[in-house]
């Protein structure tokens, strides 16, 4: 969502945004991204603890939120990384190691995040389209005046490089897409700190 917001600011207030870094984000959510989000939302809303969204003061849809996180976590990483880290290794409790990994991330999120916020943020990302009400994506991107650097992750299966190419080609004066090389998929924007900091330095140097 960070990249989506940065892009919106640059289009809404072009004279106020002088530098813009768009990393692993799209001009508009794709059908594939919406499809991955759909079962996450369904899991939360199908949890009996959802109570139509009026669950505060109760335990809330803990199981549904955990399942939503597990689905999302798979999209943040890559098949090759999961295979290398976990393979088909079984644990003594009857679960595969990769299942334990997903359970761990589910438990972490449930402790620190609100289910209603998860729903609202996910729906906001689903509806993201910088071209809405602006004559389409191409017209909207043409409004950007900021010095712009667009980058993507070569292994990102959630927000693939083709979406960053669209941004770079549509924003006036944008440089060629920079590619973060990583086995970690979308999460590379959090993990590959050396490569990401180099992008920031390049943009700020002008």
N, C-alpha and C. Protein backbone atom coordinates (compact mmCIF):
# COMPACT_ATOMS: atom_id res chain seq x y z
N UNK A 1 0.82 -1.20 0.00
CA UNK A 1 0.00 0.00 0.00
C UNK A 1 0.86 1.26 0.00
N UNK A 2 2.08 1.16 0.50
CA UNK A 2 2.95 2.33 0.53
C UNK A 2 3.21 2.90 -0.84
N UNK A 3 3.51 2.02 -1.80
CA UNK A 3 3.75 2.47 -3.16
C UNK A 3 2.51 3.05 -3.80
N UNK A 4 1.35 2.45 -3.50
CA UNK A 4 0.09 2.96 -4.04
C UNK A 4 -0.16 4.38 -3.53
N UNK A 5 0.07 4.59 -2.26
CA UNK A 5 -0.16 5.91 -1.67
C UNK A 5 0.82 6.94 -2.24
N UNK A 6 2.07 6.55 -2.38
CA UNK A 6 3.06 7.48 -2.93
C UNK A 6 2.67 7.90 -4.35
N UNK A 7 2.21 6.94 -5.14
CA UNK A 7 1.79 7.25 -6.51
C UNK A 7 0.59 8.19 -6.50
N UNK A 8 -0.38 7.94 -5.63
CA UNK A 8 -1.55 8.81 -5.54
C UNK A 8 -1.14 10.24 -5.18
N UNK A 9 -0.24 10.38 -4.23
CA UNK A 9 0.20 11.73 -3.84
C UNK A 9 0.84 12.45 -5.01
N UNK A 10 1.66 11.72 -5.77
CA UNK A 10 2.37 12.34 -6.88
C UNK A 10 1.41 12.77 -7.99
N UNK A 11 0.29 12.06 -8.15
CA UNK A 11 -0.70 12.41 -9.16
C UNK A 11 -1.64 13.50 -8.65
N UNK A 12 -2.02 13.42 -7.39
CA UNK A 12 -2.94 14.40 -6.81
C UNK A 12 -2.30 15.77 -6.62
N UNK A 13 -1.05 15.76 -6.20
CA UNK A 13 -0.35 17.00 -5.88
C UNK A 13 1.01 17.04 -6.57
N UNK A 14 1.03 17.07 -7.89
CA UNK A 14 2.30 16.97 -8.63
C UNK A 14 3.30 18.06 -8.28
N UNK A 15 2.83 19.24 -7.94
CA UNK A 15 3.75 20.34 -7.64
C UNK A 15 4.36 20.22 -6.25
N UNK A 16 3.83 19.33 -5.42
CA UNK A 16 4.31 19.20 -4.05
C UNK A 16 5.20 17.98 -3.85
N UNK A 17 5.26 17.09 -4.84
CA UNK A 17 6.08 15.88 -4.72
C UNK A 17 7.25 16.02 -5.69
N UNK A 18 8.45 16.18 -5.14
CA UNK A 18 9.62 16.41 -5.99
C UNK A 18 10.38 15.14 -6.33
N UNK A 19 10.33 14.14 -5.43
CA UNK A 19 11.04 12.87 -5.66
C UNK A 19 10.10 11.72 -5.35
N UNK A 20 10.14 10.70 -6.18
CA UNK A 20 9.19 9.60 -6.05
C UNK A 20 9.89 8.27 -6.29
N UNK A 21 9.83 7.38 -5.30
CA UNK A 21 10.35 6.02 -5.44
C UNK A 21 9.18 5.06 -5.38
N UNK A 22 8.96 4.34 -6.44
CA UNK A 22 7.89 3.35 -6.51
C UNK A 22 8.54 1.97 -6.57
N UNK A 23 8.36 1.19 -5.51
CA UNK A 23 9.02 -0.10 -5.39
C UNK A 23 8.00 -1.22 -5.24
N UNK A 24 7.99 -2.13 -6.19
CA UNK A 24 7.15 -3.34 -6.12
C UNK A 24 5.69 -2.99 -5.91
N UNK A 25 5.17 -2.08 -6.73
CA UNK A 25 3.77 -1.68 -6.63
C UNK A 25 3.18 -1.49 -8.02
N UNK A 26 1.84 -1.44 -8.14
CA UNK A 26 1.19 -1.31 -9.44
C UNK A 26 0.52 0.05 -9.62
N UNK A 27 0.11 0.32 -10.86
CA UNK A 27 -0.75 1.47 -11.13
C UNK A 27 -2.18 1.15 -10.75
N UNK A 28 -2.54 -0.12 -10.82
CA UNK A 28 -3.88 -0.57 -10.45
C UNK A 28 -3.81 -2.04 -10.05
N UNK A 29 -4.64 -2.42 -9.09
CA UNK A 29 -4.66 -3.83 -8.68
C UNK A 29 -5.13 -4.70 -9.84
N UNK A 30 -4.47 -5.83 -10.02
CA UNK A 30 -4.82 -6.75 -11.11
C UNK A 30 -5.85 -7.78 -10.64
N UNK A 31 -6.43 -8.49 -11.61
CA UNK A 31 -7.36 -9.56 -11.27
C UNK A 31 -6.69 -10.61 -10.40
N UNK A 32 -5.43 -10.90 -10.67
CA UNK A 32 -4.70 -11.90 -9.89
C UNK A 32 -4.55 -11.47 -8.44
N UNK A 33 -4.22 -10.19 -8.23
CA UNK A 33 -4.06 -9.68 -6.87
C UNK A 33 -5.39 -9.67 -6.12
N UNK A 34 -6.45 -9.28 -6.82
CA UNK A 34 -7.78 -9.30 -6.20
C UNK A 34 -8.19 -10.74 -5.87
N UNK A 35 -7.83 -11.67 -6.76
CA UNK A 35 -8.16 -13.08 -6.54
C UNK A 35 -7.46 -13.63 -5.30
N UNK A 36 -6.19 -13.26 -5.10
CA UNK A 36 -5.48 -13.71 -3.90
C UNK A 36 -6.10 -13.10 -2.63
N UNK A 37 -6.60 -11.89 -2.74
CA UNK A 37 -7.18 -11.22 -1.58
C UNK A 37 -8.56 -11.77 -1.22
N UNK A 38 -9.31 -12.25 -2.22
CA UNK A 38 -10.68 -12.69 -1.99
C UNK A 38 -10.82 -13.76 -0.91
N UNK A 39 -10.03 -14.86 -0.95
CA UNK A 39 -10.19 -15.86 0.11
C UNK A 39 -9.72 -15.36 1.47
N UNK A 40 -8.83 -14.38 1.49
CA UNK A 40 -8.43 -13.79 2.77
C UNK A 40 -9.61 -13.09 3.41
N UNK A 41 -10.31 -12.28 2.63
CA UNK A 41 -11.49 -11.57 3.14
C UNK A 41 -12.58 -12.56 3.52
N UNK A 42 -12.76 -13.59 2.70
CA UNK A 42 -13.79 -14.59 2.99
C UNK A 42 -13.49 -15.33 4.29
N UNK A 43 -12.22 -15.64 4.53
CA UNK A 43 -11.85 -16.35 5.75
C UNK A 43 -12.21 -15.54 6.99
N UNK A 44 -11.96 -14.25 6.95
CA UNK A 44 -12.27 -13.39 8.10
C UNK A 44 -13.77 -13.28 8.31
N UNK A 45 -14.48 -13.02 7.23
CA UNK A 45 -15.93 -12.81 7.34
C UNK A 45 -16.69 -14.09 7.64
N UNK A 46 -16.11 -15.24 7.28
CA UNK A 46 -16.77 -16.53 7.56
C UNK A 46 -16.53 -17.00 8.99
N UNK A 47 -15.59 -16.40 9.68
CA UNK A 47 -15.32 -16.76 11.07
C UNK A 47 -16.51 -16.34 11.94
N UNK A 48 -17.05 -17.25 12.75
CA UNK A 48 -18.19 -16.89 13.61
C UNK A 48 -17.89 -15.70 14.53
N UNK A 49 -16.60 -15.48 14.80
CA UNK A 49 -16.22 -14.36 15.66
C UNK A 49 -16.26 -13.01 14.98
N UNK A 50 -16.52 -12.99 13.67
CA UNK A 50 -16.59 -11.73 12.93
C UNK A 50 -17.77 -10.88 13.39
N UNK A 51 -18.91 -11.54 13.63
CA UNK A 51 -20.11 -10.87 14.15
C UNK A 51 -20.51 -9.66 13.30
N UNK A 52 -20.41 -9.82 12.00
CA UNK A 52 -20.78 -8.73 11.12
C UNK A 52 -19.88 -7.52 11.22
N UNK A 53 -18.70 -7.70 11.79
CA UNK A 53 -17.76 -6.60 11.97
C UNK A 53 -17.87 -5.92 13.32
N UNK A 54 -18.89 -6.30 14.11
CA UNK A 54 -19.10 -5.68 15.43
C UNK A 54 -18.60 -6.63 16.52
N UNK A 55 -17.33 -6.97 16.45
CA UNK A 55 -16.75 -7.99 17.33
C UNK A 55 -15.95 -7.40 18.49
N UNK A 56 -15.81 -6.10 18.56
CA UNK A 56 -14.98 -5.50 19.62
C UNK A 56 -15.59 -5.76 20.99
N UNK A 57 -14.73 -6.12 21.92
CA UNK A 57 -15.17 -6.56 23.24
C UNK A 57 -15.25 -8.07 23.34
N UNK A 58 -15.05 -8.75 22.21
CA UNK A 58 -15.01 -10.21 22.19
C UNK A 58 -13.66 -10.64 21.61
N UNK A 59 -13.48 -11.95 21.50
CA UNK A 59 -12.22 -12.46 20.97
C UNK A 59 -12.01 -12.07 19.51
N UNK A 60 -13.11 -11.91 18.76
CA UNK A 60 -13.00 -11.53 17.36
C UNK A 60 -12.70 -12.72 16.47
N UNK A 61 -12.59 -12.49 15.17
CA UNK A 61 -12.37 -13.56 14.19
C UNK A 61 -10.91 -13.99 14.13
N UNK A 62 -10.42 -14.54 15.23
CA UNK A 62 -9.00 -14.88 15.35
C UNK A 62 -8.58 -15.93 14.33
N UNK A 63 -9.38 -16.98 14.19
CA UNK A 63 -9.02 -18.05 13.26
C UNK A 63 -9.04 -17.53 11.82
N UNK A 64 -10.04 -16.77 11.46
CA UNK A 64 -10.14 -16.24 10.10
C UNK A 64 -9.01 -15.30 9.76
N UNK A 65 -8.64 -14.45 10.71
CA UNK A 65 -7.53 -13.53 10.48
C UNK A 65 -6.23 -14.30 10.30
N UNK A 66 -6.05 -15.36 11.07
CA UNK A 66 -4.84 -16.18 10.94
C UNK A 66 -4.76 -16.86 9.58
N UNK A 67 -5.88 -17.38 9.10
CA UNK A 67 -5.91 -18.01 7.78
C UNK A 67 -5.62 -16.98 6.69
N UNK A 68 -6.18 -15.78 6.83
CA UNK A 68 -5.93 -14.72 5.86
C UNK A 68 -4.44 -14.42 5.77
N UNK A 69 -3.79 -14.37 6.92
CA UNK A 69 -2.36 -14.10 6.93
C UNK A 69 -1.58 -15.23 6.28
N UNK A 70 -1.99 -16.47 6.50
CA UNK A 70 -1.30 -17.60 5.89
C UNK A 70 -1.37 -17.53 4.37
N UNK A 71 -2.55 -17.20 3.85
CA UNK A 71 -2.71 -17.08 2.40
C UNK A 71 -1.80 -15.97 1.87
N UNK A 72 -1.82 -14.84 2.55
CA UNK A 72 -1.02 -13.70 2.11
C UNK A 72 0.47 -14.02 2.16
N UNK A 73 0.89 -14.73 3.20
CA UNK A 73 2.31 -15.01 3.37
C UNK A 73 2.87 -15.81 2.20
N UNK A 74 2.07 -16.70 1.65
CA UNK A 74 2.52 -17.48 0.49
C UNK A 74 2.81 -16.55 -0.69
N UNK A 75 1.99 -15.51 -0.87
CA UNK A 75 2.19 -14.60 -2.00
C UNK A 75 3.39 -13.70 -1.80
N UNK A 76 3.81 -13.52 -0.56
CA UNK A 76 4.95 -12.63 -0.29
C UNK A 76 6.29 -13.30 -0.60
N UNK A 77 6.30 -14.62 -0.66
CA UNK A 77 7.54 -15.35 -0.88
C UNK A 77 7.50 -16.07 -2.23
N UNK A 78 8.43 -16.98 -2.47
CA UNK A 78 8.50 -17.67 -3.75
C UNK A 78 8.50 -19.18 -3.57
N UNK A 79 8.11 -19.88 -4.61
CA UNK A 79 8.11 -21.33 -4.57
C UNK A 79 9.51 -21.87 -4.32
N UNK A 80 10.51 -21.27 -4.97
CA UNK A 80 11.87 -21.77 -4.84
C UNK A 80 12.42 -21.56 -3.43
N UNK A 81 12.09 -20.44 -2.82
CA UNK A 81 12.57 -20.19 -1.47
C UNK A 81 11.92 -21.14 -0.47
N UNK A 82 10.60 -21.34 -0.60
CA UNK A 82 9.91 -22.25 0.30
C UNK A 82 10.45 -23.68 0.13
N UNK A 83 10.73 -24.05 -1.11
CA UNK A 83 11.28 -25.39 -1.36
C UNK A 83 12.65 -25.55 -0.72
N UNK A 84 13.50 -24.51 -0.84
CA UNK A 84 14.85 -24.58 -0.29
C UNK A 84 14.83 -24.59 1.23
N UNK A 85 13.95 -23.80 1.83
CA UNK A 85 13.91 -23.69 3.29
C UNK A 85 13.22 -24.86 3.96
N UNK A 86 12.14 -25.35 3.35
CA UNK A 86 11.30 -26.32 4.04
C UNK A 86 11.15 -27.66 3.32
N UNK A 87 11.23 -27.64 2.00
CA UNK A 87 11.03 -28.88 1.26
C UNK A 87 9.75 -29.57 1.69
N UNK A 88 9.83 -30.88 1.81
CA UNK A 88 8.70 -31.67 2.31
C UNK A 88 8.99 -32.19 3.71
N UNK A 89 9.83 -31.47 4.43
CA UNK A 89 10.29 -31.93 5.74
C UNK A 89 9.13 -32.00 6.73
N UNK A 90 8.87 -33.19 7.31
CA UNK A 90 7.80 -33.33 8.29
C UNK A 90 8.30 -33.02 9.70
N UNK A 91 7.39 -32.58 10.54
CA UNK A 91 7.73 -32.35 11.95
C UNK A 91 7.11 -33.44 12.81
N UNK A 92 7.56 -33.51 14.04
CA UNK A 92 7.07 -34.56 14.92
C UNK A 92 5.61 -34.44 15.28
N UNK A 93 5.04 -33.24 15.10
CA UNK A 93 3.63 -33.04 15.45
C UNK A 93 2.68 -33.36 14.31
N UNK A 94 3.21 -33.91 13.22
CA UNK A 94 2.36 -34.29 12.11
C UNK A 94 2.23 -33.23 11.03
N UNK A 95 2.77 -32.04 11.29
CA UNK A 95 2.72 -30.97 10.29
C UNK A 95 4.00 -30.96 9.47
N UNK A 96 3.89 -30.48 8.25
CA UNK A 96 5.08 -30.19 7.47
C UNK A 96 5.71 -28.91 8.02
N UNK A 97 7.02 -28.78 7.82
CA UNK A 97 7.73 -27.60 8.33
C UNK A 97 7.15 -26.32 7.75
N UNK A 98 6.74 -26.34 6.48
CA UNK A 98 6.19 -25.13 5.88
C UNK A 98 4.86 -24.76 6.53
N UNK A 99 4.10 -25.74 7.00
CA UNK A 99 2.86 -25.45 7.71
C UNK A 99 3.15 -24.76 9.04
N UNK A 100 4.19 -25.21 9.72
CA UNK A 100 4.60 -24.57 10.97
C UNK A 100 5.00 -23.12 10.73
N UNK A 101 5.68 -22.87 9.63
CA UNK A 101 6.08 -21.51 9.25
C UNK A 101 4.85 -20.63 9.06
N UNK A 102 3.84 -21.12 8.36
CA UNK A 102 2.62 -20.36 8.15
C UNK A 102 1.87 -20.14 9.44
N UNK A 103 1.83 -21.16 10.30
CA UNK A 103 1.17 -21.02 11.59
C UNK A 103 1.86 -19.95 12.43
N UNK A 104 3.16 -19.90 12.38
CA UNK A 104 3.93 -18.91 13.13
C UNK A 104 3.56 -17.50 12.70
N UNK A 105 3.49 -17.27 11.39
CA UNK A 105 3.15 -15.93 10.91
C UNK A 105 1.70 -15.58 11.21
N UNK A 106 0.83 -16.56 11.19
CA UNK A 106 -0.57 -16.31 11.55
C UNK A 106 -0.67 -15.87 13.01
N UNK A 107 0.00 -16.60 13.89
CA UNK A 107 -0.06 -16.27 15.31
C UNK A 107 0.53 -14.89 15.60
N UNK A 108 1.61 -14.54 14.91
CA UNK A 108 2.22 -13.22 15.10
C UNK A 108 1.25 -12.10 14.72
N UNK A 109 0.57 -12.25 13.59
CA UNK A 109 -0.32 -11.19 13.14
C UNK A 109 -1.54 -11.06 14.05
N UNK A 110 -2.10 -12.17 14.46
CA UNK A 110 -3.30 -12.15 15.29
C UNK A 110 -3.03 -11.40 16.59
N UNK A 111 -1.82 -11.48 17.11
CA UNK A 111 -1.49 -10.81 18.36
C UNK A 111 -1.39 -9.29 18.22
N UNK A 112 -1.13 -8.80 17.00
CA UNK A 112 -0.81 -7.38 16.88
C UNK A 112 -1.67 -6.61 15.87
N UNK A 113 -2.66 -7.28 15.24
CA UNK A 113 -3.39 -6.60 14.18
C UNK A 113 -4.88 -6.82 14.34
N UNK A 114 -5.65 -5.82 13.93
CA UNK A 114 -7.10 -5.86 14.03
C UNK A 114 -7.71 -6.40 12.73
N UNK A 115 -8.65 -7.30 12.86
CA UNK A 115 -9.26 -7.94 11.69
C UNK A 115 -10.00 -6.94 10.81
N UNK A 116 -10.72 -6.01 11.44
CA UNK A 116 -11.44 -5.01 10.67
C UNK A 116 -10.50 -4.14 9.86
N UNK A 117 -9.38 -3.78 10.45
CA UNK A 117 -8.38 -3.00 9.73
C UNK A 117 -7.83 -3.80 8.55
N UNK A 118 -7.62 -5.09 8.77
CA UNK A 118 -7.13 -5.96 7.69
C UNK A 118 -8.11 -5.94 6.52
N UNK A 119 -9.40 -6.03 6.81
CA UNK A 119 -10.42 -6.03 5.77
C UNK A 119 -10.43 -4.70 5.02
N UNK A 120 -10.43 -3.60 5.77
CA UNK A 120 -10.49 -2.28 5.13
C UNK A 120 -9.26 -2.02 4.25
N UNK A 121 -8.08 -2.35 4.75
CA UNK A 121 -6.86 -2.12 3.99
C UNK A 121 -6.80 -3.01 2.74
N UNK A 122 -7.23 -4.25 2.89
CA UNK A 122 -7.23 -5.16 1.75
C UNK A 122 -8.20 -4.70 0.67
N UNK A 123 -9.38 -4.26 1.08
CA UNK A 123 -10.35 -3.76 0.10
C UNK A 123 -9.85 -2.48 -0.57
N UNK A 124 -9.14 -1.65 0.18
CA UNK A 124 -8.59 -0.43 -0.40
C UNK A 124 -7.55 -0.76 -1.46
N UNK A 125 -6.71 -1.75 -1.20
CA UNK A 125 -5.72 -2.14 -2.20
C UNK A 125 -6.38 -2.79 -3.41
N UNK A 126 -7.44 -3.57 -3.18
CA UNK A 126 -8.18 -4.16 -4.30
C UNK A 126 -8.75 -3.08 -5.22
N UNK A 127 -9.22 -2.00 -4.63
CA UNK A 127 -9.87 -0.96 -5.43
C UNK A 127 -8.88 0.04 -6.02
N UNK A 128 -7.62 -0.09 -5.67
CA UNK A 128 -6.62 0.87 -6.16
C UNK A 128 -6.55 0.89 -7.68
N UNK A 129 -6.73 2.08 -8.25
CA UNK A 129 -6.60 2.31 -9.68
C UNK A 129 -6.29 3.79 -9.86
N UNK A 130 -5.04 4.12 -10.12
CA UNK A 130 -4.64 5.51 -10.19
C UNK A 130 -5.33 6.24 -11.35
N UNK A 131 -5.84 5.48 -12.32
CA UNK A 131 -6.50 6.09 -13.47
C UNK A 131 -7.97 6.37 -13.28
N UNK A 132 -8.56 5.89 -12.17
CA UNK A 132 -9.98 6.08 -11.96
C UNK A 132 -10.32 7.57 -11.85
N UNK A 133 -11.25 8.02 -12.66
CA UNK A 133 -11.68 9.41 -12.62
C UNK A 133 -10.67 10.39 -13.19
N UNK A 134 -9.61 9.86 -13.82
CA UNK A 134 -8.55 10.72 -14.36
C UNK A 134 -8.29 10.45 -15.83
N UNK A 135 -9.21 9.76 -16.47
CA UNK A 135 -9.03 9.48 -17.89
C UNK A 135 -8.22 8.25 -18.19
N UNK A 136 -8.01 7.41 -17.20
CA UNK A 136 -7.25 6.17 -17.39
C UNK A 136 -5.85 6.26 -16.81
N UNK A 137 -5.21 5.10 -16.73
CA UNK A 137 -3.88 5.01 -16.11
C UNK A 137 -2.86 5.86 -16.85
N UNK A 138 -2.84 5.78 -18.15
CA UNK A 138 -1.85 6.53 -18.93
C UNK A 138 -1.96 8.02 -18.68
N UNK A 139 -3.18 8.54 -18.69
CA UNK A 139 -3.39 9.98 -18.45
C UNK A 139 -2.97 10.37 -17.04
N UNK A 140 -3.29 9.52 -16.07
CA UNK A 140 -2.93 9.83 -14.69
C UNK A 140 -1.42 9.84 -14.48
N UNK A 141 -0.73 8.83 -15.02
CA UNK A 141 0.71 8.78 -14.87
C UNK A 141 1.38 9.98 -15.55
N UNK A 142 0.77 10.46 -16.60
CA UNK A 142 1.33 11.62 -17.31
C UNK A 142 1.30 12.90 -16.50
N UNK A 143 0.55 12.91 -15.38
CA UNK A 143 0.46 14.09 -14.53
C UNK A 143 1.64 14.19 -13.55
N UNK A 144 2.38 13.12 -13.37
CA UNK A 144 3.48 13.12 -12.40
C UNK A 144 4.61 14.04 -12.86
N UNK A 145 5.04 14.91 -11.97
CA UNK A 145 6.14 15.81 -12.26
C UNK A 145 7.41 15.46 -11.49
N UNK A 146 7.28 14.59 -10.52
CA UNK A 146 8.40 14.26 -9.64
C UNK A 146 9.52 13.54 -10.38
N UNK A 147 10.74 13.77 -9.91
CA UNK A 147 11.87 12.95 -10.35
C UNK A 147 11.60 11.54 -9.83
N UNK A 148 11.46 10.59 -10.73
CA UNK A 148 10.91 9.28 -10.35
C UNK A 148 11.87 8.14 -10.62
N UNK A 149 11.94 7.24 -9.68
CA UNK A 149 12.68 5.99 -9.85
C UNK A 149 11.72 4.84 -9.55
N UNK A 150 11.56 3.96 -10.51
CA UNK A 150 10.68 2.80 -10.36
C UNK A 150 11.53 1.55 -10.25
N UNK A 151 11.19 0.70 -9.31
CA UNK A 151 11.94 -0.54 -9.10
C UNK A 151 11.00 -1.69 -8.78
N UNK A 152 11.42 -2.89 -9.15
CA UNK A 152 10.65 -4.08 -8.83
C UNK A 152 11.58 -5.21 -8.43
N UNK A 153 10.99 -6.31 -7.99
CA UNK A 153 11.74 -7.48 -7.54
C UNK A 153 11.60 -8.57 -8.58
N UNK A 154 12.71 -9.12 -9.02
CA UNK A 154 12.67 -10.10 -10.11
C UNK A 154 11.87 -11.35 -9.78
N UNK A 155 11.72 -11.69 -8.50
CA UNK A 155 11.02 -12.90 -8.11
C UNK A 155 9.65 -12.63 -7.49
N UNK A 156 9.17 -11.41 -7.61
CA UNK A 156 7.90 -11.01 -6.98
C UNK A 156 6.73 -11.61 -7.75
N UNK A 157 6.00 -12.54 -7.13
CA UNK A 157 4.85 -13.11 -7.82
C UNK A 157 3.55 -12.41 -7.44
N UNK A 158 3.60 -11.50 -6.47
CA UNK A 158 2.41 -10.74 -6.10
C UNK A 158 2.28 -9.49 -6.95
N UNK A 159 3.36 -8.71 -7.06
CA UNK A 159 3.38 -7.51 -7.90
C UNK A 159 4.52 -7.66 -8.91
N UNK A 160 4.29 -8.38 -9.99
CA UNK A 160 5.37 -8.71 -10.93
C UNK A 160 5.94 -7.50 -11.65
N UNK A 161 7.13 -7.68 -12.19
CA UNK A 161 7.88 -6.59 -12.83
C UNK A 161 7.11 -5.89 -13.95
N UNK A 162 6.24 -6.61 -14.62
CA UNK A 162 5.48 -5.99 -15.72
C UNK A 162 4.70 -4.78 -15.23
N UNK A 163 4.26 -4.81 -13.97
CA UNK A 163 3.50 -3.67 -13.44
C UNK A 163 4.41 -2.47 -13.21
N UNK A 164 5.65 -2.71 -12.83
CA UNK A 164 6.58 -1.59 -12.66
C UNK A 164 7.03 -1.04 -14.01
N UNK A 165 7.11 -1.90 -15.02
CA UNK A 165 7.43 -1.43 -16.37
C UNK A 165 6.35 -0.46 -16.84
N UNK A 166 5.10 -0.79 -16.58
CA UNK A 166 4.00 0.11 -16.95
C UNK A 166 4.16 1.47 -16.29
N UNK A 167 4.55 1.49 -15.03
CA UNK A 167 4.75 2.76 -14.33
C UNK A 167 5.88 3.56 -14.95
N UNK A 168 7.00 2.89 -15.17
CA UNK A 168 8.19 3.58 -15.69
C UNK A 168 7.93 4.14 -17.09
N UNK A 169 7.21 3.38 -17.90
CA UNK A 169 6.94 3.84 -19.26
C UNK A 169 5.91 4.96 -19.29
N UNK A 170 5.06 5.03 -18.29
CA UNK A 170 3.99 6.03 -18.30
C UNK A 170 4.31 7.33 -17.60
N UNK A 171 5.30 7.34 -16.72
CA UNK A 171 5.63 8.55 -15.96
C UNK A 171 6.68 9.34 -16.73
N UNK A 172 6.41 10.59 -17.06
CA UNK A 172 7.36 11.40 -17.83
C UNK A 172 8.71 11.51 -17.12
N UNK A 173 9.77 11.26 -17.86
CA UNK A 173 11.11 11.41 -17.31
C UNK A 173 11.55 10.30 -16.38
N UNK A 174 10.72 9.27 -16.21
CA UNK A 174 11.12 8.17 -15.34
C UNK A 174 12.30 7.43 -15.94
N UNK A 175 13.17 6.95 -15.09
CA UNK A 175 14.31 6.18 -15.54
C UNK A 175 13.88 4.74 -15.83
N UNK A 176 14.77 3.97 -16.41
CA UNK A 176 14.46 2.56 -16.64
C UNK A 176 14.19 1.87 -15.31
N UNK A 177 13.38 0.84 -15.35
CA UNK A 177 13.07 0.10 -14.14
C UNK A 177 14.33 -0.50 -13.54
N UNK A 178 14.53 -0.26 -12.25
CA UNK A 178 15.62 -0.90 -11.52
C UNK A 178 15.11 -2.23 -10.97
N UNK A 179 15.94 -3.24 -10.99
CA UNK A 179 15.52 -4.57 -10.57
C UNK A 179 16.27 -5.00 -9.32
N UNK A 180 15.52 -5.33 -8.28
CA UNK A 180 16.08 -5.90 -7.06
C UNK A 180 16.16 -7.41 -7.28
N UNK A 181 17.36 -7.94 -7.25
CA UNK A 181 17.56 -9.37 -7.45
C UNK A 181 17.49 -10.09 -6.10
N UNK A 182 16.54 -10.99 -5.98
CA UNK A 182 16.34 -11.63 -4.69
C UNK A 182 15.54 -12.92 -4.84
N UNK A 183 15.80 -13.91 -3.98
CA UNK A 183 14.99 -15.13 -4.00
C UNK A 183 13.74 -15.01 -3.13
N UNK A 184 13.55 -13.83 -2.49
CA UNK A 184 12.53 -13.72 -1.45
C UNK A 184 11.18 -13.17 -1.91
N UNK A 185 11.00 -12.95 -3.20
CA UNK A 185 9.72 -12.48 -3.68
C UNK A 185 9.39 -11.07 -3.21
N UNK A 186 8.11 -10.81 -2.99
CA UNK A 186 7.68 -9.45 -2.63
C UNK A 186 8.36 -8.98 -1.34
N UNK A 187 8.60 -9.88 -0.41
CA UNK A 187 9.22 -9.50 0.86
C UNK A 187 10.65 -8.99 0.70
N UNK A 188 11.19 -9.07 -0.49
CA UNK A 188 12.53 -8.54 -0.72
C UNK A 188 12.62 -7.06 -0.42
N UNK A 189 11.50 -6.34 -0.54
CA UNK A 189 11.56 -4.91 -0.25
C UNK A 189 11.85 -4.66 1.23
N UNK A 190 11.59 -5.65 2.07
CA UNK A 190 11.92 -5.56 3.50
C UNK A 190 13.27 -6.20 3.82
N UNK A 191 13.66 -7.19 3.05
CA UNK A 191 14.84 -8.00 3.37
C UNK A 191 16.11 -7.48 2.71
N UNK A 192 16.00 -7.06 1.45
CA UNK A 192 17.19 -6.65 0.69
C UNK A 192 17.52 -5.18 0.97
N UNK A 193 17.88 -4.91 2.21
CA UNK A 193 18.08 -3.52 2.64
C UNK A 193 19.22 -2.83 1.89
N UNK A 194 20.25 -3.57 1.53
CA UNK A 194 21.36 -2.97 0.79
C UNK A 194 20.93 -2.47 -0.57
N UNK A 195 20.19 -3.31 -1.30
CA UNK A 195 19.74 -2.92 -2.63
C UNK A 195 18.70 -1.79 -2.56
N UNK A 196 17.82 -1.85 -1.57
CA UNK A 196 16.79 -0.81 -1.45
C UNK A 196 17.41 0.52 -1.05
N UNK A 197 18.35 0.50 -0.13
CA UNK A 197 19.00 1.76 0.28
C UNK A 197 19.78 2.37 -0.88
N UNK A 198 20.33 1.53 -1.76
CA UNK A 198 21.03 2.04 -2.93
C UNK A 198 20.06 2.76 -3.87
N UNK A 199 18.83 2.28 -3.96
CA UNK A 199 17.84 2.94 -4.78
C UNK A 199 17.49 4.32 -4.22
N UNK A 200 17.33 4.38 -2.90
CA UNK A 200 17.02 5.65 -2.25
C UNK A 200 18.14 6.66 -2.47
N UNK A 201 19.38 6.19 -2.32
CA UNK A 201 20.52 7.08 -2.52
C UNK A 201 20.58 7.57 -3.96
N UNK A 202 20.32 6.67 -4.92
CA UNK A 202 20.33 7.07 -6.33
C UNK A 202 19.29 8.16 -6.61
N UNK A 203 18.11 7.98 -6.04
CA UNK A 203 17.04 8.96 -6.27
C UNK A 203 17.38 10.30 -5.63
N UNK A 204 17.88 10.29 -4.43
CA UNK A 204 18.16 11.53 -3.71
C UNK A 204 19.36 12.27 -4.28
N UNK A 205 20.27 11.52 -4.90
CA UNK A 205 21.43 12.19 -5.53
C UNK A 205 21.00 12.93 -6.79
N UNK A 206 19.86 12.51 -7.38
CA UNK A 206 19.36 13.20 -8.57
C UNK A 206 20.03 12.75 -9.84
